[in-house]
Amino acid sequence: MAAIAGGYGVAALSSVVLALCLPAAFGMARSEATMTGLLASFAVFALSVMWVFAARTAFRAWSGLAVAAAVLGALLLLLMRTTGAAA
């Protein structure tokens, strides 16, 4: 469950964060930033799944995913406030 649900959540958050961050940081077109975020989310999902299966306990797996999701969520809120975008 942690690999599927947690990995998907972290990958989805990272996709949205990149889609909002790249145009603001590098002046990239919004369509290109969205595609880049989407493609990068596949790598993030794979890394999340590997993290879950490499963790020694279920608590460590879930806590690692929760920390990553919290950081990405905070960054998403910050980006939404500064850029005025809606996710």
PDB file of N, CA and C in Angstrom:
ATOM      1  N   MET A   1       0.814  -1.185   0.000  1.00  0.00           N
ATOM      2  CA  MET A   1       0.000   0.000   0.000  1.00  0.00           C
ATOM      3  C   MET A   1       0.862   1.255   0.000  1.00  0.00           C
ATOM      4  N   ALA A   2       1.932   1.241   0.762  1.00  0.00           N
ATOM      5  CA  ALA A   2       2.790   2.424   0.825  1.00  0.00           C
ATOM      6  C   ALA A   2       3.443   2.688  -0.522  1.00  0.00           C
ATOM      7  N   ALA A   3       3.851   1.632  -1.202  1.00  0.00           N
ATOM      8  CA  ALA A   3       4.512   1.817  -2.493  1.00  0.00           C
ATOM      9  C   ALA A   3       3.549   2.386  -3.523  1.00  0.00           C
ATOM     10  N   ILE A   4       2.332   1.886  -3.554  1.00  0.00           N
ATOM     11  CA  ILE A   4       1.380   2.338  -4.568  1.00  0.00           C
ATOM     12  C   ILE A   4       0.791   3.693  -4.198  1.00  0.00           C
ATOM     13  N   ALA A   5       0.153   3.781  -3.054  1.00  0.00           N
ATOM     14  CA  ALA A   5      -0.546   5.015  -2.674  1.00  0.00           C
ATOM     15  C   ALA A   5       0.428   6.134  -2.329  1.00  0.00           C
ATOM     16  N   GLY A   6       1.411   5.839  -1.509  1.00  0.00           N
ATOM     17  CA  GLY A   6       2.376   6.859  -1.117  1.00  0.00           C
ATOM     18  C   GLY A   6       3.246   7.306  -2.276  1.00  0.00           C
ATOM     19  N   GLY A   7       3.669   6.356  -3.082  1.00  0.00           N
ATOM     20  CA  GLY A   7       4.479   6.698  -4.251  1.00  0.00           C
ATOM     21  C   GLY A   7       3.713   7.555  -5.235  1.00  0.00           C
ATOM     22  N   TYR A   8       2.438   7.233  -5.434  1.00  0.00           N
ATOM     23  CA  TYR A   8       1.612   8.031  -6.338  1.00  0.00           C
ATOM     24  C   TYR A   8       1.420   9.443  -5.798  1.00  0.00           C
ATOM     25  N   GLY A   9       1.181   9.555  -4.497  1.00  0.00           N
ATOM     26  CA  GLY A   9       0.993  10.876  -3.902  1.00  0.00           C
ATOM     27  C   GLY A   9       2.223  11.752  -4.034  1.00  0.00           C
ATOM     28  N   VAL A  10       3.376  11.194  -3.750  1.00  0.00           N
ATOM     29  CA  VAL A  10       4.621  11.955  -3.847  1.00  0.00           C
ATOM     30  C   VAL A  10       4.903  12.316  -5.311  1.00  0.00           C
ATOM     31  N   ALA A  11       4.648  11.386  -6.221  1.00  0.00           N
ATOM     32  CA  ALA A  11       4.878  11.665  -7.638  1.00  0.00           C
ATOM     33  C   ALA A  11       3.932  12.743  -8.155  1.00  0.00           C
ATOM     34  N   ALA A  12       2.686  12.708  -7.733  1.00  0.00           N
ATOM     35  CA  ALA A  12       1.725  13.724  -8.171  1.00  0.00           C
ATOM     36  C   ALA A  12       2.106  15.099  -7.638  1.00  0.00           C
ATOM     37  N   LEU A  13       2.494  15.160  -6.385  1.00  0.00           N
ATOM     38  CA  LEU A  13       2.930  16.438  -5.812  1.00  0.00           C
ATOM     39  C   LEU A  13       4.171  16.981  -6.517  1.00  0.00           C
ATOM     40  N   SER A  14       5.106  16.107  -6.800  1.00  0.00           N
ATOM     41  CA  SER A  14       6.325  16.570  -7.470  1.00  0.00           C
ATOM     42  C   SER A  14       6.027  17.055  -8.883  1.00  0.00           C
ATOM     43  N   SER A  15       5.085  16.426  -9.550  1.00  0.00           N
ATOM     44  CA  SER A  15       4.704  16.857 -10.894  1.00  0.00           C
ATOM     45  C   SER A  15       4.128  18.270 -10.880  1.00  0.00           C
ATOM     46  N   VAL A  16       3.249  18.537  -9.928  1.00  0.00           N
ATOM     47  CA  VAL A  16       2.631  19.865  -9.839  1.00  0.00           C
ATOM     48  C   VAL A  16       3.658  20.914  -9.415  1.00  0.00           C
ATOM     49  N   VAL A  17       4.514  20.576  -8.485  1.00  0.00           N
ATOM     50  CA  VAL A  17       5.538  21.522  -8.031  1.00  0.00           C
ATOM     51  C   VAL A  17       6.473  21.892  -9.182  1.00  0.00           C
ATOM     52  N   LEU A  18       6.889  20.902  -9.951  1.00  0.00           N
ATOM     53  CA  LEU A  18       7.758  21.207 -11.084  1.00  0.00           C
ATOM     54  C   LEU A  18       7.035  22.021 -12.145  1.00  0.00           C
ATOM     55  N   ALA A  19       5.775  21.706 -12.385  1.00  0.00           N
ATOM     56  CA  ALA A  19       5.016  22.453 -13.390  1.00  0.00           C
ATOM     57  C   ALA A  19       4.869  23.922 -12.997  1.00  0.00           C
ATOM     58  N   LEU A  20       4.801  24.216 -11.715  1.00  0.00           N
ATOM     59  CA  LEU A  20       4.713  25.604 -11.263  1.00  0.00           C
ATOM     60  C   LEU A  20       6.082  26.253 -11.085  1.00  0.00           C
ATOM     61  N   CYS A  21       7.065  25.466 -10.720  1.00  0.00           N
ATOM     62  CA  CYS A  21       8.388  26.011 -10.407  1.00  0.00           C
ATOM     63  C   CYS A  21       9.199  26.339 -11.654  1.00  0.00           C
ATOM     64  N   LEU A  22       9.150  25.522 -12.656  1.00  0.00           N
ATOM     65  CA  LEU A  22       9.995  25.726 -13.830  1.00  0.00           C
ATOM     66  C   LEU A  22       9.707  27.022 -14.586  1.00  0.00           C
ATOM     67  N   PRO A  23       8.440  27.387 -14.821  1.00  0.00           N
ATOM     68  CA  PRO A  23       8.234  28.677 -15.495  1.00  0.00           C
ATOM     69  C   PRO A  23       8.677  29.865 -14.643  1.00  0.00           C
ATOM     70  N   ALA A  24       8.479  29.772 -13.345  1.00  0.00           N
ATOM     71  CA  ALA A  24       8.857  30.874 -12.461  1.00  0.00           C
ATOM     72  C   ALA A  24      10.376  30.992 -12.330  1.00  0.00           C
ATOM     73  N   ALA A  25      11.068  29.870 -12.284  1.00  0.00           N
ATOM     74  CA  ALA A  25      12.509  29.889 -12.052  1.00  0.00           C
ATOM     75  C   ALA A  25      13.322  30.074 -13.327  1.00  0.00           C
ATOM     76  N   PHE A  26      12.896  29.423 -14.407  1.00  0.00           N
ATOM     77  CA  PHE A  26      13.712  29.416 -15.619  1.00  0.00           C
ATOM     78  C   PHE A  26      13.038  30.071 -16.816  1.00  0.00           C
ATOM     79  N   GLY A  27      11.840  30.580 -16.656  1.00  0.00           N
ATOM     80  CA  GLY A  27      11.154  31.208 -17.762  1.00  0.00           C
ATOM     81  C   GLY A  27      10.693  30.234 -18.833  1.00  0.00           C
ATOM     82  N   MET A  28      10.539  28.984 -18.463  1.00  0.00           N
ATOM     83  CA  MET A  28      10.116  27.953 -19.399  1.00  0.00           C
ATOM     84  C   MET A  28       8.633  28.137 -19.726  1.00  0.00           C
ATOM     85  N   ALA A  29       8.232  27.752 -20.917  1.00  0.00           N
ATOM     86  CA  ALA A  29       6.820  27.815 -21.282  1.00  0.00           C
ATOM     87  C   ALA A  29       6.015  26.873 -20.387  1.00  0.00           C
ATOM     88  N   ARG A  30       4.779  27.261 -20.091  1.00  0.00           N
ATOM     89  CA  ARG A  30       3.957  26.465 -19.173  1.00  0.00           C
ATOM     90  C   ARG A  30       3.706  25.062 -19.710  1.00  0.00           C
ATOM     91  N   SER A  31       3.509  24.927 -21.010  1.00  0.00           N
ATOM     92  CA  SER A  31       3.262  23.601 -21.578  1.00  0.00           C
ATOM     93  C   SER A  31       4.497  22.707 -21.460  1.00  0.00           C
ATOM     94  N   GLU A  32       5.670  23.274 -21.694  1.00  0.00           N
ATOM     95  CA  GLU A  32       6.905  22.503 -21.552  1.00  0.00           C
ATOM     96  C   GLU A  32       7.160  22.139 -20.088  1.00  0.00           C
ATOM     97  N   ALA A  33       6.870  23.056 -19.187  1.00  0.00           N
ATOM     98  CA  ALA A  33       7.060  22.783 -17.762  1.00  0.00           C
ATOM     99  C   ALA A  33       6.115  21.687 -17.289  1.00  0.00           C
ATOM    100  N   THR A  34       4.885  21.702 -17.792  1.00  0.00           N
ATOM    101  CA  THR A  34       3.931  20.659 -17.427  1.00  0.00           C
ATOM    102  C   THR A  34       4.395  19.298 -17.916  1.00  0.00           C
ATOM    103  N   MET A  35       4.878  19.231 -19.153  1.00  0.00           N
ATOM    104  CA  MET A  35       5.369  17.962 -19.695  1.00  0.00           C
ATOM    105  C   MET A  35       6.612  17.489 -18.953  1.00  0.00           C
ATOM    106  N   THR A  36       7.500  18.417 -18.613  1.00  0.00           N
ATOM    107  CA  THR A  36       8.702  18.056 -17.865  1.00  0.00           C
ATOM    108  C   THR A  36       8.341  17.525 -16.484  1.00  0.00           C
ATOM    109  N   GLY A  37       7.404  18.177 -15.819  1.00  0.00           N
ATOM    110  CA  GLY A  37       6.957  17.704 -14.513  1.00  0.00           C
ATOM    111  C   GLY A  37       6.310  16.339 -14.591  1.00  0.00           C
ATOM    112  N   LEU A  38       5.512  16.123 -15.632  1.00  0.00           N
ATOM    113  CA  LEU A  38       4.856  14.827 -15.808  1.00  0.00           C
ATOM    114  C   LEU A  38       5.876  13.724 -16.040  1.00  0.00           C
ATOM    115  N   LEU A  39       6.835  13.971 -16.906  1.00  0.00           N
ATOM    116  CA  LEU A  39       7.845  12.954 -17.181  1.00  0.00           C
ATOM    117  C   LEU A  39       8.742  12.696 -15.971  1.00  0.00           C
ATOM    118  N   ALA A  40       9.058  13.741 -15.224  1.00  0.00           N
ATOM    119  CA  ALA A  40       9.890  13.567 -14.027  1.00  0.00           C
ATOM    120  C   ALA A  40       9.151  12.799 -12.941  1.00  0.00           C
ATOM    121  N   SER A  41       7.820  12.885 -12.946  1.00  0.00           N
ATOM    122  CA  SER A  41       7.056  12.186 -11.915  1.00  0.00           C
ATOM    123  C   SER A  41       7.192  10.669 -12.038  1.00  0.00           C
ATOM    124  N   PHE A  42       7.466  10.142 -13.228  1.00  0.00           N
ATOM    125  CA  PHE A  42       7.682   8.712 -13.373  1.00  0.00           C
ATOM    126  C   PHE A  42       8.946   8.281 -12.633  1.00  0.00           C
ATOM    127  N   ALA A  43       9.987   9.088 -12.719  1.00  0.00           N
ATOM    128  CA  ALA A  43      11.223   8.789 -11.987  1.00  0.00           C
ATOM    129  C   ALA A  43      11.007   8.923 -10.483  1.00  0.00           C
ATOM    130  N   VAL A  44      10.245   9.935 -10.071  1.00  0.00           N
ATOM    131  CA  VAL A  44       9.956  10.117  -8.648  1.00  0.00           C
ATOM    132  C   VAL A  44       9.153   8.946  -8.117  1.00  0.00           C
ATOM    133  N   PHE A  45       8.184   8.466  -8.895  1.00  0.00           N
ATOM    134  CA  PHE A  45       7.393   7.311  -8.470  1.00  0.00           C
ATOM    135  C   PHE A  45       8.282   6.080  -8.313  1.00  0.00           C
ATOM    136  N   ALA A  46       9.171   5.857  -9.277  1.00  0.00           N
ATOM    137  CA  ALA A  46      10.075   4.701  -9.192  1.00  0.00           C
ATOM    138  C   ALA A  46      10.982   4.803  -7.972  1.00  0.00           C
ATOM    139  N   LEU A  47      11.503   5.994  -7.695  1.00  0.00           N
ATOM    140  CA  LEU A  47      12.357   6.179  -6.520  1.00  0.00           C
ATOM    141  C   LEU A  47      11.574   5.994  -5.222  1.00  0.00           C
ATOM    142  N   SER A  48      10.321   6.437  -5.215  1.00  0.00           N
ATOM    143  CA  SER A  48       9.484   6.251  -4.024  1.00  0.00           C
ATOM    144  C   SER A  48       9.224   4.774  -3.759  1.00  0.00           C
ATOM    145  N   VAL A  49       8.943   4.029  -4.800  1.00  0.00           N
ATOM    146  CA  VAL A  49       8.706   2.589  -4.647  1.00  0.00           C
ATOM    147  C   VAL A  49       9.970   1.895  -4.159  1.00  0.00           C
ATOM    148  N   MET A  50      11.117   2.277  -4.719  1.00  0.00           N
ATOM    149  CA  MET A  50      12.372   1.674  -4.257  1.00  0.00           C
ATOM    150  C   MET A  50      12.638   2.021  -2.799  1.00  0.00           C
ATOM    151  N   TRP A  51      12.310   3.253  -2.392  1.00  0.00           N
ATOM    152  CA  TRP A  51      12.489   3.648  -1.001  1.00  0.00           C
ATOM    153  C   TRP A  51      11.628   2.782  -0.082  1.00  0.00           C
ATOM    154  N   VAL A  52      10.383   2.562  -0.467  1.00  0.00           N
ATOM    155  CA  VAL A  52       9.480   1.782   0.378  1.00  0.00           C
ATOM    156  C   VAL A  52       9.992   0.356   0.543  1.00  0.00           C
ATOM    157  N   PHE A  53      10.440  -0.254  -0.527  1.00  0.00           N
ATOM    158  CA  PHE A  53      10.903  -1.638  -0.430  1.00  0.00           C
ATOM    159  C   PHE A  53      12.286  -1.758   0.195  1.00  0.00           C
ATOM    160  N   ALA A  54      13.046  -0.662   0.236  1.00  0.00           N
ATOM    161  CA  ALA A  54      14.355  -0.695   0.878  1.00  0.00           C
ATOM    162  C   ALA A  54      14.275  -0.377   2.371  1.00  0.00           C
ATOM    163  N   ALA A  55      13.177   0.218   2.804  1.00  0.00           N
ATOM    164  CA  ALA A  55      13.036   0.578   4.213  1.00  0.00           C
ATOM    165  C   ALA A  55      12.929  -0.679   5.075  1.00  0.00           C
ATOM    166  N   ARG A  56      13.489  -0.603   6.259  1.00  0.00           N
ATOM    167  CA  ARG A  56      13.493  -1.776   7.139  1.00  0.00           C
ATOM    168  C   ARG A  56      12.150  -2.034   7.801  1.00  0.00           C
ATOM    169  N   THR A  57      11.415  -0.985   8.082  1.00  0.00           N
ATOM    170  CA  THR A  57      10.115  -1.143   8.737  1.00  0.00           C
ATOM    171  C   THR A  57       9.056  -0.358   7.959  1.00  0.00           C
ATOM    172  N   ALA A  58       7.821  -0.723   8.202  1.00  0.00           N
ATOM    173  CA  ALA A  58       6.711  -0.016   7.560  1.00  0.00           C
ATOM    174  C   ALA A  58       6.639   1.428   8.063  1.00  0.00           C
ATOM    175  N   PHE A  59       6.952   1.639   9.327  1.00  0.00           N
ATOM    176  CA  PHE A  59       6.944   2.990   9.877  1.00  0.00           C
ATOM    177  C   PHE A  59       7.953   3.878   9.165  1.00  0.00           C
ATOM    178  N   ARG A  60       9.137   3.353   8.931  1.00  0.00           N
ATOM    179  CA  ARG A  60      10.170   4.126   8.232  1.00  0.00           C
ATOM    180  C   ARG A  60       9.756   4.410   6.791  1.00  0.00           C
ATOM    181  N   ALA A  61       9.107   3.459   6.146  1.00  0.00           N
ATOM    182  CA  ALA A  61       8.651   3.670   4.769  1.00  0.00           C
ATOM    183  C   ALA A  61       7.598   4.770   4.711  1.00  0.00           C
ATOM    184  N   TRP A  62       6.597   4.666   5.593  1.00  0.00           N
ATOM    185  CA  TRP A  62       5.536   5.679   5.599  1.00  0.00           C
ATOM    186  C   TRP A  62       6.049   7.041   6.033  1.00  0.00           C
ATOM    187  N   SER A  63       6.957   7.057   7.013  1.00  0.00           N
ATOM    188  CA  SER A  63       7.463   8.354   7.481  1.00  0.00           C
ATOM    189  C   SER A  63       8.321   9.027   6.414  1.00  0.00           C
ATOM    190  N   GLY A  64       9.078   8.269   5.668  1.00  0.00           N
ATOM    191  CA  GLY A  64       9.860   8.849   4.576  1.00  0.00           C
ATOM    192  C   GLY A  64       8.973   9.457   3.508  1.00  0.00           C
ATOM    193  N   LEU A  65       7.894   8.754   3.175  1.00  0.00           N
ATOM    194  CA  LEU A  65       6.945   9.284   2.192  1.00  0.00           C
ATOM    195  C   LEU A  65       6.216  10.505   2.740  1.00  0.00           C
ATOM    196  N   ALA A  66       5.889  10.475   4.020  1.00  0.00           N
ATOM    197  CA  ALA A  66       5.185  11.607   4.626  1.00  0.00           C
ATOM    198  C   ALA A  66       6.064  12.853   4.666  1.00  0.00           C
ATOM    199  N   VAL A  67       7.336  12.690   4.961  1.00  0.00           N
ATOM    200  CA  VAL A  67       8.252  13.830   4.980  1.00  0.00           C
ATOM    201  C   VAL A  67       8.393  14.414   3.570  1.00  0.00           C
ATOM    202  N   ALA A  68       8.555  13.548   2.585  1.00  0.00           N
ATOM    203  CA  ALA A  68       8.665  14.029   1.206  1.00  0.00           C
ATOM    204  C   ALA A  68       7.390  14.743   0.772  1.00  0.00           C
ATOM    205  N   ALA A  69       6.233  14.185   1.126  1.00  0.00           N
ATOM    206  CA  ALA A  69       4.961  14.809   0.765  1.00  0.00           C
ATOM    207  C   ALA A  69       4.774  16.136   1.492  1.00  0.00           C
ATOM    208  N   ALA A  70       5.200  16.218   2.738  1.00  0.00           N
ATOM    209  CA  ALA A  70       5.066  17.471   3.492  1.00  0.00           C
ATOM    210  C   ALA A  70       5.945  18.566   2.905  1.00  0.00           C
ATOM    211  N   VAL A  71       7.157  18.230   2.528  1.00  0.00           N
ATOM    212  CA  VAL A  71       8.057  19.211   1.923  1.00  0.00           C
ATOM    213  C   VAL A  71       7.495  19.680   0.585  1.00  0.00           C
ATOM    214  N   LEU A  72       7.049  18.734  -0.240  1.00  0.00           N
ATOM    215  CA  LEU A  72       6.480  19.104  -1.536  1.00  0.00           C
ATOM    216  C   LEU A  72       5.184  19.896  -1.380  1.00  0.00           C
ATOM    217  N   GLY A  73       4.368  19.533  -0.399  1.00  0.00           N
ATOM    218  CA  GLY A  73       3.132  20.273  -0.153  1.00  0.00           C
ATOM    219  C   GLY A  73       3.392  21.697   0.296  1.00  0.00           C
ATOM    220  N   ALA A  74       4.369  21.882   1.171  1.00  0.00           N
ATOM    221  CA  ALA A  74       4.721  23.231   1.616  1.00  0.00           C
ATOM    222  C   ALA A  74       5.274  24.052   0.458  1.00  0.00           C
ATOM    223  N   LEU A  75       6.096  23.436  -0.365  1.00  0.00           N
ATOM    224  CA  LEU A  75       6.629  24.124  -1.531  1.00  0.00           C
ATOM    225  C   LEU A  75       5.516  24.471  -2.517  1.00  0.00           C
ATOM    226  N   LEU A  76       4.546  23.594  -2.663  1.00  0.00           N
ATOM    227  CA  LEU A  76       3.408  23.860  -3.539  1.00  0.00           C
ATOM    228  C   LEU A  76       2.603  25.053  -3.042  1.00  0.00           C
ATOM    229  N   LEU A  77       2.331  25.101  -1.745  1.00  0.00           N
ATOM    230  CA  LEU A  77       1.604  26.243  -1.196  1.00  0.00           C
ATOM    231  C   LEU A  77       2.371  27.547  -1.386  1.00  0.00           C
ATOM    232  N   LEU A  78       3.674  27.502  -1.172  1.00  0.00           N
ATOM    233  CA  LEU A  78       4.499  28.682  -1.365  1.00  0.00           C
ATOM    234  C   LEU A  78       4.474  29.137  -2.824  1.00  0.00           C
ATOM    235  N   LEU A  79       4.592  28.200  -3.746  1.00  0.00           N
ATOM    236  CA  LEU A  79       4.569  28.544  -5.164  1.00  0.00           C
ATOM    237  C   LEU A  79       3.207  29.086  -5.596  1.00  0.00           C
ATOM    238  N   MET A  80       2.150  28.520  -5.058  1.00  0.00           N
ATOM    239  CA  MET A  80       0.815  28.995  -5.424  1.00  0.00           C
ATOM    240  C   MET A  80       0.594  30.426  -4.937  1.00  0.00           C
ATOM    241  N   ARG A  81       1.130  30.751  -3.788  1.00  0.00           N
ATOM    242  CA  ARG A  81       0.983  32.116  -3.258  1.00  0.00           C
ATOM    243  C   ARG A  81       1.820  33.123  -4.017  1.00  0.00           C
ATOM    244  N   THR A  82       3.054  32.718  -4.371  1.00  0.00           N
ATOM    245  CA  THR A  82       3.945  33.669  -5.027  1.00  0.00           C
ATOM    246  C   THR A  82       3.612  33.848  -6.504  1.00  0.00           C
ATOM    247  N   THR A  83       3.202  32.778  -7.183  1.00  0.00           N
ATOM    248  CA  THR A  83       2.903  32.890  -8.608  1.00  0.00           C
ATOM    249  C   THR A  83       1.461  33.203  -8.890  1.00  0.00           C
ATOM    250  N   GLY A  84       0.594  33.034  -7.911  1.00  0.00           N
ATOM    251  CA  GLY A  84      -0.826  33.286  -8.125  1.00  0.00           C
ATOM    252  C   GLY A  84      -1.497  32.210  -8.936  1.00  0.00           C
ATOM    253  N   ALA A  85      -0.871  31.049  -9.029  1.00  0.00           N
ATOM    254  CA  ALA A  85      -1.424  29.952  -9.834  1.00  0.00           C
ATOM    255  C   ALA A  85      -2.343  29.095  -8.985  1.00  0.00           C
ATOM    256  N   ALA A  86      -3.218  28.391  -9.655  1.00  0.00           N
ATOM    257  CA  ALA A  86      -4.098  27.431  -8.994  1.00  0.00           C
ATOM    258  C   ALA A  86      -3.758  26.045  -9.499  1.00  0.00           C
ATOM    259  N   ALA A  87      -3.606  25.110  -8.585  1.00  0.00           N
ATOM    260  CA  ALA A  87      -3.237  23.755  -8.987  1.00  0.00           C
ATOM    261  C   ALA A  87      -4.454  22.934  -9.300  1.00  0.00           C
TER     262      ALA A  87
END
